[in-house]
Amino acid sequence: MSTGTLFAPEVDSLQSGTELFGVASMRSTESLSEINRKLQLETPRSPLSLRWYGGPPARHEVAPVVVTGAFDILHPGHVRFLTWAAARGRPLYVGVEDDARVRRWKGPSRPLHTVAERAEVLSALKPVSMIFYILGDPTVCEGDDYVILLRQIGPAALAFTAGDPHAAAKRGGAAALGADCLEFPFEVGHSTSSLLDRAVRECPQQLNPVGGS
């Protein structure tokens, strides 16, 4: 058997380009830009976008633990949760939801602090390595959209509290990303919403003055 006969099918396949690297109907006459355009069209896109606070990480040698949330008013529950997540020995990346998204979920009076202010406070915490904004349509909150968004970070784990209303979606997202799922025990009374409710009950005149604006 000649070597020409042995390798003929592979040569023909390379010349036609059919299903080469999983791209159907790719022809040798197509330019690189045309091939890249086809690949981009076949890649799922998220309606959400990511922007780094203070610039992107210089290097990404160790896959991080990622947490996401509003982080409107930091309290001991936040600090304990972030410290616990960072104790896994990996960098801790915190995703902060933008103002419009928080307002959609928490109500018209929230957030109390802008996304830039919330990121600034988080950046002062020792456990936090990097912070990024989560931007996009406030109505978008599907787990699949977060999976596409976070895939560019390549997290080793997703961390969240047991009382997170999106816990089920985050478990599914971790599985889709091939990441570990870290669930922090819920601490009763340690949430921004519960703190605000308590403040309204105990100091109603100061927070809701009669005739005040």
C-alpha atoms as a PDB file:
ATOM      1  CA  MET A   1       0.000   0.000   0.000  1.00  0.00           C
ATOM      2  CA  SER A   2       1.466   3.374  -0.972  1.00  0.00           C
ATOM      3  CA  THR A   3       1.586   6.296   1.402  1.00  0.00           C
ATOM      4  CA  GLY A   4      -0.368   8.321  -1.147  1.00  0.00           C
ATOM      5  CA  THR A   5      -3.317   5.958  -0.873  1.00  0.00           C
ATOM      6  CA  LEU A   6      -3.084   5.864   2.923  1.00  0.00           C
ATOM      7  CA  PHE A   7      -3.320   9.635   3.388  1.00  0.00           C
ATOM      8  CA  ALA A   8      -5.560  10.483   0.415  1.00  0.00           C
ATOM      9  CA  PRO A   9      -8.832  10.697   2.429  1.00  0.00           C
ATOM     10  CA  GLU A  10      -7.245  13.055   4.973  1.00  0.00           C
ATOM     11  CA  VAL A  11      -5.863  15.312   2.238  1.00  0.00           C
ATOM     12  CA  ASP A  12      -9.271  15.457   0.543  1.00  0.00           C
ATOM     13  CA  SER A  13     -10.926  16.315   3.842  1.00  0.00           C
ATOM     14  CA  LEU A  14      -8.497  19.145   4.481  1.00  0.00           C
ATOM     15  CA  GLN A  15      -8.997  20.508   0.981  1.00  0.00           C
ATOM     16  CA  SER A  16     -12.764  20.552   1.231  1.00  0.00           C
ATOM     17  CA  GLY A  17     -12.764  21.722   4.847  1.00  0.00           C
ATOM     18  CA  THR A  18     -16.120  20.027   5.420  1.00  0.00           C
ATOM     19  CA  GLU A  19     -16.820  19.839   9.174  1.00  0.00           C
ATOM     20  CA  LEU A  20     -13.201  20.731   9.932  1.00  0.00           C
ATOM     21  CA  PHE A  21     -12.979  21.550  13.654  1.00  0.00           C
ATOM     22  CA  GLY A  22     -16.770  21.180  13.847  1.00  0.00           C
ATOM     23  CA  VAL A  23     -17.517  24.030  11.410  1.00  0.00           C
ATOM     24  CA  ALA A  24     -19.844  22.725   8.720  1.00  0.00           C
ATOM     25  CA  SER A  25     -19.431  23.670   5.041  1.00  0.00           C
ATOM     26  CA  MET A  26     -16.158  25.537   5.547  1.00  0.00           C
ATOM     27  CA  ARG A  27     -14.351  25.789   2.206  1.00  0.00           C
ATOM     28  CA  SER A  28     -10.681  26.386   1.529  1.00  0.00           C
ATOM     29  CA  THR A  29     -11.604  29.462  -0.512  1.00  0.00           C
ATOM     30  CA  GLU A  30     -13.102  31.219   2.549  1.00  0.00           C
ATOM     31  CA  SER A  31     -11.044  33.948   4.105  1.00  0.00           C
ATOM     32  CA  LEU A  32     -10.012  33.877   7.770  1.00  0.00           C
ATOM     33  CA  SER A  33     -12.379  36.758   8.520  1.00  0.00           C
ATOM     34  CA  GLU A  34     -15.298  34.823   7.014  1.00  0.00           C
ATOM     35  CA  ILE A  35     -14.423  31.772   9.111  1.00  0.00           C
ATOM     36  CA  ASN A  36     -14.190  33.891  12.283  1.00  0.00           C
ATOM     37  CA  ARG A  37     -17.549  35.493  11.494  1.00  0.00           C
ATOM     38  CA  LYS A  38     -19.171  32.042  11.233  1.00  0.00           C
ATOM     39  CA  LEU A  39     -17.635  30.962  14.511  1.00  0.00           C
ATOM     40  CA  GLN A  40     -18.910  34.120  16.235  1.00  0.00           C
ATOM     41  CA  LEU A  41     -22.413  33.540  14.910  1.00  0.00           C
ATOM     42  CA  GLU A  42     -22.392  30.013  16.315  1.00  0.00           C
ATOM     43  CA  THR A  43     -21.146  31.148  19.752  1.00  0.00           C
ATOM     44  CA  PRO A  44     -23.956  31.930  22.247  1.00  0.00           C
ATOM     45  CA  ARG A  45     -24.021  35.558  23.387  1.00  0.00           C
ATOM     46  CA  SER A  46     -25.297  36.856  26.689  1.00  0.00           C
ATOM     47  CA  PRO A  47     -27.447  40.018  26.892  1.00  0.00           C
ATOM     48  CA  LEU A  48     -25.368  40.799  29.977  1.00  0.00           C
ATOM     49  CA  SER A  49     -21.925  42.372  29.886  1.00  0.00           C
ATOM     50  CA  LEU A  50     -18.996  42.548  32.279  1.00  0.00           C
ATOM     51  CA  ARG A  51     -16.773  45.520  33.097  1.00  0.00           C
ATOM     52  CA  TRP A  52     -13.867  45.391  35.512  1.00  0.00           C
ATOM     53  CA  TYR A  53     -13.608  47.864  38.371  1.00  0.00           C
ATOM     54  CA  GLY A  54     -10.129  49.382  38.282  1.00  0.00           C
ATOM     55  CA  GLY A  55      -9.137  47.418  35.190  1.00  0.00           C
ATOM     56  CA  PRO A  56      -8.944  43.673  34.394  1.00  0.00           C
ATOM     57  CA  PRO A  57      -6.655  41.292  36.288  1.00  0.00           C
ATOM     58  CA  ALA A  58      -3.064  41.329  35.044  1.00  0.00           C
ATOM     59  CA  ARG A  59      -2.813  37.547  34.935  1.00  0.00           C
ATOM     60  CA  HIS A  60      -5.232  34.728  35.549  1.00  0.00           C
ATOM     61  CA  GLU A  61      -3.053  31.792  36.593  1.00  0.00           C
ATOM     62  CA  VAL A  62      -5.364  30.501  39.334  1.00  0.00           C
ATOM     63  CA  ALA A  63      -9.062  30.093  38.594  1.00  0.00           C
ATOM     64  CA  PRO A  64     -11.060  32.227  41.052  1.00  0.00           C
ATOM     65  CA  VAL A  65     -14.050  31.766  43.292  1.00  0.00           C
ATOM     66  CA  VAL A  66     -16.835  34.042  42.001  1.00  0.00           C
ATOM     67  CA  VAL A  67     -19.707  35.593  43.936  1.00  0.00           C
ATOM     68  CA  THR A  68     -22.346  37.968  42.582  1.00  0.00           C
ATOM     69  CA  GLY A  69     -24.925  40.210  44.211  1.00  0.00           C
ATOM     70  CA  ALA A  70     -26.076  43.726  45.055  1.00  0.00           C
ATOM     71  CA  PHE A  71     -23.905  44.385  48.154  1.00  0.00           C
ATOM     72  CA  ASP A  72     -25.844  47.582  48.826  1.00  0.00           C
ATOM     73  CA  ILE A  73     -25.136  48.027  52.549  1.00  0.00           C
ATOM     74  CA  LEU A  74     -22.276  45.875  53.804  1.00  0.00           C
ATOM     75  CA  HIS A  75     -22.908  44.138  57.145  1.00  0.00           C
ATOM     76  CA  PRO A  76     -21.256  41.336  59.169  1.00  0.00           C
ATOM     77  CA  GLY A  77     -23.039  38.697  57.093  1.00  0.00           C
ATOM     78  CA  HIS A  78     -21.353  39.980  53.926  1.00  0.00           C
ATOM     79  CA  VAL A  79     -17.930  40.090  55.557  1.00  0.00           C
ATOM     80  CA  ARG A  80     -18.244  36.563  56.976  1.00  0.00           C
ATOM     81  CA  PHE A  81     -19.469  35.207  53.647  1.00  0.00           C
ATOM     82  CA  LEU A  82     -16.678  36.827  51.600  1.00  0.00           C
ATOM     83  CA  THR A  83     -14.023  35.784  54.138  1.00  0.00           C
ATOM     84  CA  TRP A  84     -15.340  32.210  54.020  1.00  0.00           C
ATOM     85  CA  ALA A  85     -15.317  32.162  50.208  1.00  0.00           C
ATOM     86  CA  ALA A  86     -11.767  33.559  50.033  1.00  0.00           C
ATOM     87  CA  ALA A  87     -10.532  30.953  52.528  1.00  0.00           C
ATOM     88  CA  ARG A  88     -10.672  28.357  49.729  1.00  0.00           C
ATOM     89  CA  GLY A  89      -7.162  29.451  48.738  1.00  0.00           C
ATOM     90  CA  ARG A  90      -8.204  30.993  45.429  1.00  0.00           C
ATOM     91  CA  PRO A  91      -8.649  34.619  44.319  1.00  0.00           C
ATOM     92  CA  LEU A  92     -12.109  35.969  45.118  1.00  0.00           C
ATOM     93  CA  TYR A  93     -13.851  37.848  42.301  1.00  0.00           C
ATOM     94  CA  VAL A  94     -17.013  39.775  43.204  1.00  0.00           C
ATOM     95  CA  GLY A  95     -19.625  40.650  40.579  1.00  0.00           C
ATOM     96  CA  VAL A  96     -21.744  43.688  41.491  1.00  0.00           C
ATOM     97  CA  GLU A  97     -25.129  44.122  39.813  1.00  0.00           C
ATOM     98  CA  ASP A  98     -25.671  47.543  38.249  1.00  0.00           C
ATOM     99  CA  ASP A  99     -28.160  50.069  39.649  1.00  0.00           C
ATOM    100  CA  ALA A 100     -31.009  49.413  37.206  1.00  0.00           C
ATOM    101  CA  ARG A 101     -30.886  45.672  37.863  1.00  0.00           C
ATOM    102  CA  VAL A 102     -30.929  46.122  41.649  1.00  0.00           C
ATOM    103  CA  ARG A 103     -33.807  48.590  41.358  1.00  0.00           C
ATOM    104  CA  ARG A 104     -35.799  46.090  39.313  1.00  0.00           C
ATOM    105  CA  TRP A 105     -35.358  43.343  41.929  1.00  0.00           C
ATOM    106  CA  LYS A 106     -35.349  45.280  45.209  1.00  0.00           C
ATOM    107  CA  GLY A 107     -37.737  48.152  44.502  1.00  0.00           C
ATOM    108  CA  PRO A 108     -37.604  51.837  43.498  1.00  0.00           C
ATOM    109  CA  SER A 109     -35.807  52.956  46.674  1.00  0.00           C
ATOM    110  CA  ARG A 110     -32.849  50.675  46.030  1.00  0.00           C
ATOM    111  CA  PRO A 111     -29.934  50.667  45.705  1.00  0.00           C
ATOM    112  CA  LEU A 112     -28.973  53.160  48.362  1.00  0.00           C
ATOM    113  CA  HIS A 113     -25.475  53.350  46.890  1.00  0.00           C
ATOM    114  CA  THR A 114     -24.473  53.487  43.236  1.00  0.00           C
ATOM    115  CA  VAL A 115     -22.701  50.543  41.661  1.00  0.00           C
ATOM    116  CA  ALA A 116     -19.415  52.511  41.700  1.00  0.00           C
ATOM    117  CA  GLU A 117     -19.813  53.267  45.414  1.00  0.00           C
ATOM    118  CA  ARG A 118     -20.627  49.645  46.210  1.00  0.00           C
ATOM    119  CA  ALA A 119     -17.566  48.487  44.265  1.00  0.00           C
ATOM    120  CA  GLU A 120     -15.380  51.024  46.065  1.00  0.00           C
ATOM    121  CA  VAL A 121     -16.446  49.735  49.478  1.00  0.00           C
ATOM    122  CA  LEU A 122     -15.943  46.102  48.437  1.00  0.00           C
ATOM    123  CA  SER A 123     -12.466  46.887  47.113  1.00  0.00           C
ATOM    124  CA  ALA A 124     -11.413  47.914  50.627  1.00  0.00           C
ATOM    125  CA  LEU A 125     -12.132  44.436  51.990  1.00  0.00           C
ATOM    126  CA  LYS A 126      -9.089  42.209  52.419  1.00  0.00           C
ATOM    127  CA  PRO A 127     -10.714  38.976  51.102  1.00  0.00           C
ATOM    128  CA  VAL A 128     -11.685  40.565  47.744  1.00  0.00           C
ATOM    129  CA  SER A 129      -9.195  40.198  44.878  1.00  0.00           C
ATOM    130  CA  MET A 130     -11.112  41.672  41.925  1.00  0.00           C
ATOM    131  CA  ILE A 131     -14.469  43.341  41.292  1.00  0.00           C
ATOM    132  CA  PHE A 132     -16.527  43.513  38.129  1.00  0.00           C
ATOM    133  CA  TYR A 133     -19.806  45.174  37.223  1.00  0.00           C
ATOM    134  CA  ILE A 134     -22.679  43.115  35.802  1.00  0.00           C
ATOM    135  CA  LEU A 135     -24.458  45.319  33.261  1.00  0.00           C
ATOM    136  CA  GLY A 136     -27.479  44.749  31.069  1.00  0.00           C
ATOM    137  CA  ASP A 137     -31.245  44.616  30.676  1.00  0.00           C
ATOM    138  CA  PRO A 138     -32.782  44.565  34.206  1.00  0.00           C
ATOM    139  CA  THR A 139     -35.324  41.949  33.088  1.00  0.00           C
ATOM    140  CA  VAL A 140     -32.576  39.446  32.230  1.00  0.00           C
ATOM    141  CA  CYS A 141     -31.875  37.066  35.105  1.00  0.00           C
ATOM    142  CA  GLU A 142     -31.758  33.616  33.512  1.00  0.00           C
ATOM    143  CA  GLY A 143     -29.070  31.245  34.695  1.00  0.00           C
ATOM    144  CA  ASP A 144     -27.940  30.534  31.136  1.00  0.00           C
ATOM    145  CA  ASP A 145     -27.134  34.215  30.590  1.00  0.00           C
ATOM    146  CA  TYR A 146     -24.902  34.253  33.676  1.00  0.00           C
ATOM    147  CA  VAL A 147     -23.181  31.065  32.514  1.00  0.00           C
ATOM    148  CA  ILE A 148     -22.240  32.712  29.204  1.00  0.00           C
ATOM    149  CA  LEU A 149     -21.115  35.871  31.018  1.00  0.00           C
ATOM    150  CA  LEU A 150     -18.978  34.068  33.611  1.00  0.00           C
ATOM    151  CA  ARG A 151     -17.437  31.618  31.166  1.00  0.00           C
ATOM    152  CA  GLN A 152     -14.972  34.330  30.108  1.00  0.00           C
ATOM    153  CA  ILE A 153     -13.679  34.384  33.705  1.00  0.00           C
ATOM    154  CA  GLY A 154     -13.450  30.599  34.017  1.00  0.00           C
ATOM    155  CA  PRO A 155     -14.339  30.284  37.715  1.00  0.00           C
ATOM    156  CA  ALA A 156     -13.246  27.293  39.754  1.00  0.00           C
ATOM    157  CA  ALA A 157     -16.269  27.750  42.022  1.00  0.00           C
ATOM    158  CA  LEU A 158     -19.428  29.813  42.482  1.00  0.00           C
ATOM    159  CA  ALA A 159     -20.205  30.813  46.064  1.00  0.00           C
ATOM    160  CA  PHE A 160     -23.540  31.994  47.463  1.00  0.00           C
ATOM    161  CA  THR A 161     -25.549  31.964  50.673  1.00  0.00           C
ATOM    162  CA  ALA A 162     -28.118  29.276  51.412  1.00  0.00           C
ATOM    163  CA  GLY A 163     -30.860  31.919  51.557  1.00  0.00           C
ATOM    164  CA  ASP A 164     -30.139  33.265  48.066  1.00  0.00           C
ATOM    165  CA  PRO A 165     -33.418  33.272  46.076  1.00  0.00           C
ATOM    166  CA  HIS A 166     -31.377  32.369  42.981  1.00  0.00           C
ATOM    167  CA  ALA A 167     -29.564  29.472  44.692  1.00  0.00           C
ATOM    168  CA  ALA A 168     -31.054  26.808  42.399  1.00  0.00           C
ATOM    169  CA  ALA A 169     -30.018  28.735  39.270  1.00  0.00           C
ATOM    170  CA  LYS A 170     -26.509  29.222  40.672  1.00  0.00           C
ATOM    171  CA  ARG A 171     -26.178  25.498  41.362  1.00  0.00           C
ATOM    172  CA  GLY A 172     -27.138  24.814  37.764  1.00  0.00           C
ATOM    173  CA  GLY A 173     -24.738  27.496  36.558  1.00  0.00           C
ATOM    174  CA  ALA A 174     -21.853  25.977  38.501  1.00  0.00           C
ATOM    175  CA  ALA A 175     -22.573  22.582  36.935  1.00  0.00           C
ATOM    176  CA  ALA A 176     -22.709  24.112  33.431  1.00  0.00           C
ATOM    177  CA  LEU A 177     -19.382  25.867  34.012  1.00  0.00           C
ATOM    178  CA  GLY A 178     -17.728  22.767  35.426  1.00  0.00           C
ATOM    179  CA  ALA A 179     -17.190  24.687  38.664  1.00  0.00           C
ATOM    180  CA  ASP A 180     -17.631  23.723  42.295  1.00  0.00           C
ATOM    181  CA  CYS A 181     -20.670  24.944  44.191  1.00  0.00           C
ATOM    182  CA  LEU A 182     -19.960  26.602  47.579  1.00  0.00           C
ATOM    183  CA  GLU A 183     -23.005  27.279  49.753  1.00  0.00           C
ATOM    184  CA  PHE A 184     -22.572  29.432  52.856  1.00  0.00           C
ATOM    185  CA  PRO A 185     -25.033  28.801  55.724  1.00  0.00           C
ATOM    186  CA  PHE A 186     -27.711  31.473  55.929  1.00  0.00           C
ATOM    187  CA  GLU A 187     -27.479  33.804  58.931  1.00  0.00           C
ATOM    188  CA  VAL A 188     -30.850  35.069  60.122  1.00  0.00           C
ATOM    189  CA  GLY A 189     -31.069  38.851  60.383  1.00  0.00           C
ATOM    190  CA  HIS A 190     -27.944  39.506  58.331  1.00  0.00           C
ATOM    191  CA  SER A 191     -29.311  40.930  55.101  1.00  0.00           C
ATOM    192  CA  THR A 192     -29.596  44.467  53.782  1.00  0.00           C
ATOM    193  CA  SER A 193     -33.378  44.162  53.418  1.00  0.00           C
ATOM    194  CA  SER A 194     -33.864  42.951  57.001  1.00  0.00           C
ATOM    195  CA  LEU A 195     -31.625  45.739  58.329  1.00  0.00           C
ATOM    196  CA  LEU A 196     -33.640  48.376  56.467  1.00  0.00           C
ATOM    197  CA  ASP A 197     -36.932  46.886  57.681  1.00  0.00           C
ATOM    198  CA  ARG A 198     -35.654  46.967  61.256  1.00  0.00           C
ATOM    199  CA  ALA A 199     -34.520  50.579  60.890  1.00  0.00           C
ATOM    200  CA  VAL A 200     -37.966  51.606  59.624  1.00  0.00           C
ATOM    201  CA  ARG A 201     -39.676  49.840  62.546  1.00  0.00           C
ATOM    202  CA  GLU A 202     -37.390  51.255  65.227  1.00  0.00           C
ATOM    203  CA  CYS A 203     -36.849  54.771  63.863  1.00  0.00           C
ATOM    204  CA  PRO A 204     -39.959  55.516  61.783  1.00  0.00           C
ATOM    205  CA  GLN A 205     -39.957  59.265  62.362  1.00  0.00           C
ATOM    206  CA  GLN A 206     -36.341  59.725  61.367  1.00  0.00           C
ATOM    207  CA  LEU A 207     -36.621  57.562  58.240  1.00  0.00           C
ATOM    208  CA  ASN A 208     -40.178  58.557  57.279  1.00  0.00           C
ATOM    209  CA  PRO A 209     -40.709  62.089  58.647  1.00  0.00           C
ATOM    210  CA  VAL A 210     -44.247  63.412  58.349  1.00  0.00           C
ATOM    211  CA  GLY A 211     -44.416  65.864  55.485  1.00  0.00           C
ATOM    212  CA  GLY A 212     -40.785  65.199  54.651  1.00  0.00           C
ATOM    213  CA  SER A 213     -39.501  64.674  51.123  1.00  0.00           C
END
